[in-house]
Protein backbone atom coordinates (compact mmCIF):
# COMPACT_ATOMS: atom_id res chain seq x y z
CA MET A 1 -15.64 -10.77 -13.03
CA LEU A 2 -18.19 -11.88 -10.48
CA TRP A 3 -19.93 -9.29 -8.37
CA CYS A 4 -18.42 -10.84 -5.21
CA THR A 5 -14.78 -10.74 -6.31
CA LYS A 6 -12.60 -7.81 -5.34
CA PRO A 7 -9.91 -6.56 -7.71
CA ASN A 8 -6.42 -7.52 -6.56
CA LYS A 9 -3.94 -4.63 -6.58
CA LYS A 10 -0.41 -5.84 -7.26
CA SER A 11 1.59 -2.64 -6.76
CA PHE A 12 1.41 1.06 -5.94
CA GLU A 13 1.16 1.93 -9.62
CA THR A 14 -2.12 0.04 -10.00
CA ILE A 15 -3.85 1.99 -7.19
CA LEU A 16 -5.69 4.87 -8.84
CA HIS A 17 -6.84 6.89 -5.84
CA HIS A 18 -4.83 8.54 -3.02
CA ARG A 19 -1.89 9.45 -5.30
CA THR A 20 -0.49 12.07 -2.88
CA LEU A 21 -0.55 9.57 -0.01
CA ILE A 22 1.20 6.95 -2.12
CA ASN A 23 3.86 9.42 -3.25
CA ASN A 24 4.47 10.43 0.38
CA LEU A 25 4.75 6.78 1.43
CA LYS A 26 7.28 6.09 -1.33
CA ASN A 27 9.56 8.78 0.09
CA THR A 28 9.57 7.47 3.66
CA THR A 29 11.18 4.50 5.38
CA LEU A 30 9.66 1.79 7.54
CA LEU A 31 11.28 3.25 10.66
CA ASN A 32 9.49 6.58 10.14
CA LEU A 33 6.09 4.86 10.01
CA GLN A 34 6.31 2.57 13.04
CA HIS A 35 3.29 4.09 14.78
CA THR A 36 1.18 5.21 11.83
CA ILE A 37 -2.58 4.79 11.86
CA PHE A 38 -4.61 4.57 8.66
CA TYR A 39 -8.14 5.73 9.34
CA GLY A 40 -11.26 6.49 7.35
CA LYS A 41 -14.52 5.01 6.17
CA SER A 42 -14.78 1.34 5.36
CA GLY A 43 -13.95 0.53 1.76
CA GLY A 44 -11.53 3.43 1.43
CA GLY A 45 -8.49 1.29 0.58
CA LYS A 46 -6.61 1.49 3.89
CA LYS A 47 -5.71 -2.19 4.03
CA ILE A 48 -4.64 -2.35 0.37
CA ILE A 49 -2.39 0.69 0.71
CA ALA A 50 -0.83 -0.63 3.94
CA LYS A 51 -0.13 -4.06 2.42
CA GLN A 52 1.30 -2.56 -0.77
CA TYR A 53 3.50 -0.20 1.23
CA ILE A 54 4.95 -3.09 3.23
CA ASP A 55 5.64 -5.05 0.03
CA TYR A 56 7.16 -1.98 -1.65
CA SER A 57 9.41 -1.10 1.28
CA LEU A 58 10.62 -4.68 1.75
CA MET A 59 11.50 -4.93 -1.93
CA LYS A 60 13.09 -1.50 -2.11
CA HIS A 61 14.99 -1.13 1.15
CA TYR A 62 15.77 -4.73 2.05
CA ASN A 63 15.88 -6.40 -1.40
CA ILE A 64 13.35 -9.05 -0.38
CA LYS A 65 11.43 -10.34 -3.38
CA LYS A 66 7.73 -11.18 -3.21
CA VAL A 67 7.01 -14.87 -3.73
């Protein structure tokens, strides 16, 4: 892997850090998180967790498959 490439996380199970946050997100619905803010230092994984949560909730609650 090149030094400039970032690893691509495909699902919640592949994210190693923030396990309690991920478990809490799995037990909520999209309607409960309408006005949620992810904050922290840059490089902390906020964007990856938010994207994976949206994919997970769409597949789980609405049966929309990722293309």
